[in-house]
């Protein structure tokens, strides 16, 4: 007895392939599958059967990550540009971007400790401290970071300079 052939496996049209590359810069595989009107597993099956489609997806996704990383690095380190009048404008390093970059790429850790103390029936004193561990970085880089963040070598805010 002959087996009935199953449904023809789904694939993407040439137009959908172009859309896939563009969408992969911003959407997850589940969101892309939903956009095309099928299950995420169907998209995974297409990727497995057709490596060129998976390559198009990866190319779009990687280019978006690279562009984001480039912008983050630019913001973290500061940059200069010309304004409409041709004058040079200096953009100072962005502290949040710098910290994010160091945490994700530089092996930097941030720890929060909460110390609760009370002595001899006195009221409880609550003290929250945030410290930054830059010990895994080269000494010159540690000093540069700490000076930008206005932190002392112990990782705590440097109170020698008023804000």
Protein backbone atom coordinates (compact mmCIF):
# COMPACT_ATOMS: atom_id res chain seq x y z
CA UNK A 1 0.00 0.00 0.00
CA UNK A 2 1.35 3.42 -0.98
CA UNK A 3 1.76 6.17 1.57
CA UNK A 4 -0.01 9.40 0.83
CA UNK A 5 2.45 12.21 0.39
CA UNK A 6 2.30 14.78 3.18
CA UNK A 7 1.91 18.48 2.65
CA UNK A 8 4.69 20.18 0.75
CA UNK A 9 7.19 21.69 3.21
CA UNK A 10 6.85 25.44 3.59
CA UNK A 11 9.51 27.70 2.20
CA UNK A 12 9.91 31.43 1.75
CA UNK A 13 9.39 33.29 -1.48
CA UNK A 14 12.17 35.55 -2.73
CA UNK A 15 10.23 38.56 -1.45
CA UNK A 16 9.87 36.92 2.00
CA UNK A 17 13.60 36.19 2.07
CA UNK A 18 14.32 39.89 1.60
CA UNK A 19 11.80 40.69 4.35
CA UNK A 20 13.38 38.05 6.62
CA UNK A 21 16.80 39.69 6.37
CA UNK A 22 15.33 43.10 7.24
CA UNK A 23 13.11 41.76 10.06
CA UNK A 24 15.93 39.75 11.63
CA UNK A 25 17.59 43.02 12.64
CA UNK A 26 14.74 43.81 15.03
CA UNK A 27 12.58 40.73 15.72
CA UNK A 28 13.06 37.33 17.35
CA UNK A 29 12.55 34.13 15.37
CA UNK A 30 9.14 33.67 17.07
CA UNK A 31 8.06 37.17 16.03
CA UNK A 32 9.25 36.62 12.45
CA UNK A 33 7.36 33.32 12.21
CA UNK A 34 4.24 35.06 13.50
CA UNK A 35 4.72 37.83 10.93
CA UNK A 36 4.78 35.24 8.14
CA UNK A 37 1.78 33.43 9.66
CA UNK A 38 3.29 30.15 10.79
CA UNK A 39 4.73 28.51 13.92
CA UNK A 40 8.26 29.13 15.12
CA UNK A 41 9.02 25.42 14.60
CA UNK A 42 8.08 25.82 10.91
CA UNK A 43 10.62 28.62 10.58
CA UNK A 44 13.23 26.45 12.32
CA UNK A 45 12.46 23.62 9.88
CA UNK A 46 12.93 26.02 6.96
CA UNK A 47 16.29 27.09 8.40
CA UNK A 48 17.36 23.45 8.73
CA UNK A 49 16.31 22.55 5.16
CA UNK A 50 17.57 25.72 3.52
CA UNK A 51 20.87 26.97 4.96
CA UNK A 52 20.85 30.01 2.67
CA UNK A 53 17.67 31.28 4.37
CA UNK A 54 19.24 30.74 7.80
CA UNK A 55 22.36 32.58 6.58
CA UNK A 56 20.16 35.53 5.50
CA UNK A 57 18.57 35.56 8.97
CA UNK A 58 21.96 35.47 10.73
CA UNK A 59 23.41 38.18 8.47
CA UNK A 60 20.60 40.57 9.35
CA UNK A 61 20.74 39.76 13.08
CA UNK A 62 24.53 40.09 13.27
CA UNK A 63 24.54 43.41 11.42
CA UNK A 64 22.03 44.83 13.93
CA UNK A 65 24.11 43.65 16.89
CA UNK A 66 27.26 45.10 15.33
CA UNK A 67 25.58 48.46 14.70
CA UNK A 68 24.22 48.57 18.26
CA UNK A 69 27.62 47.67 19.71
CA UNK A 70 29.28 50.36 17.61
CA UNK A 71 26.82 53.00 18.81
CA UNK A 72 27.15 51.87 22.43
CA UNK A 73 30.94 52.09 22.20
CA UNK A 74 30.71 55.55 20.65
CA UNK A 75 28.43 56.74 23.45
CA UNK A 76 30.53 55.06 26.15
CA UNK A 77 33.81 56.61 25.04
CA UNK A 78 32.52 59.97 23.85
CA UNK A 79 32.96 61.42 20.39
CA UNK A 80 33.24 64.62 18.40
CA UNK A 81 31.23 65.79 15.42
CA UNK A 82 30.67 68.94 13.39
CA UNK A 83 27.49 70.92 13.89
CA UNK A 84 25.53 72.70 11.14
CA UNK A 85 27.93 75.66 11.33
CA UNK A 86 30.98 73.43 10.97
CA UNK A 87 32.04 73.86 14.60
CA UNK A 88 33.37 70.85 16.48
CA UNK A 89 31.01 69.57 19.17
CA UNK A 90 32.49 67.33 21.87
CA UNK A 91 30.17 64.69 23.35
CA UNK A 92 31.44 63.52 26.72
CA UNK A 93 31.43 59.80 27.56
CA UNK A 94 28.04 58.54 28.71
CA UNK A 95 28.39 56.98 32.16
CA UNK A 96 25.54 54.43 31.79
CA UNK A 97 26.81 53.27 28.39
CA UNK A 98 30.35 52.99 29.73
CA UNK A 99 29.21 50.94 32.71
CA UNK A 100 27.08 48.65 30.53
CA UNK A 101 29.96 48.12 28.12
CA UNK A 102 32.35 47.28 30.95
CA UNK A 103 29.89 44.87 32.56
CA UNK A 104 29.14 42.99 29.34
CA UNK A 105 32.53 43.10 27.65
CA UNK A 106 35.07 44.04 30.30
CA UNK A 107 34.33 41.51 33.02
CA UNK A 108 33.36 44.28 35.42
CA UNK A 109 31.09 43.37 38.32
CA UNK A 110 28.77 45.49 40.38
CA UNK A 111 27.73 44.27 43.83
CA UNK A 112 25.14 45.69 46.16
CA UNK A 113 25.43 45.01 49.89
CA UNK A 114 22.78 45.87 52.43
CA UNK A 115 24.02 46.10 56.00
CA UNK A 116 21.50 46.31 58.82
CA UNK A 117 22.83 47.11 62.29
CA UNK A 118 21.34 47.97 65.62
CA UNK A 119 23.24 48.20 68.89
CA UNK A 120 22.18 48.19 72.51
CA UNK A 121 18.52 48.76 71.73
CA UNK A 122 19.21 51.70 69.46
CA UNK A 123 17.26 52.11 66.28
CA UNK A 124 18.40 50.05 63.33
CA UNK A 125 20.68 51.85 60.94
CA UNK A 126 20.23 50.82 57.31
CA UNK A 127 23.13 51.51 54.99
CA UNK A 128 23.15 50.55 51.29
CA UNK A 129 26.46 50.48 49.44
CA UNK A 130 27.20 49.95 45.78
CA UNK A 131 30.75 49.07 44.83
CA UNK A 132 32.36 48.55 41.47
CA UNK A 133 35.04 45.90 41.02
CA UNK A 134 37.54 46.94 38.38
CA UNK A 135 40.33 44.77 39.74
CA UNK A 136 40.29 42.52 36.66
CA UNK A 137 41.21 45.41 34.37
CA UNK A 138 44.69 46.82 33.66
CA UNK A 139 45.78 49.48 36.18
CA UNK A 140 45.77 52.35 33.68
CA UNK A 141 42.25 51.46 32.57
CA UNK A 142 41.13 51.20 36.23
CA UNK A 143 42.37 54.71 36.98
CA UNK A 144 40.77 56.15 33.82
CA UNK A 145 37.42 54.56 34.62
CA UNK A 146 37.47 55.56 38.26
CA UNK A 147 38.32 59.15 37.37
CA UNK A 148 35.44 59.29 34.85
CA UNK A 149 33.00 57.82 37.35
CA UNK A 150 34.38 59.90 40.24
CA UNK A 151 35.05 56.77 42.29
CA UNK A 152 37.92 56.17 44.64
CA UNK A 153 40.24 53.18 44.29
CA UNK A 154 38.05 51.32 46.80
CA UNK A 155 35.16 51.50 44.27
CA UNK A 156 33.13 53.90 46.43
CA UNK A 157 32.17 57.45 45.44
CA UNK A 158 35.08 59.83 45.89
CA UNK A 159 33.88 62.41 48.39
CA UNK A 160 36.94 64.62 48.09
CA UNK A 161 35.34 66.63 45.29
CA UNK A 162 31.94 68.27 45.77
CA UNK A 163 29.38 67.67 42.99
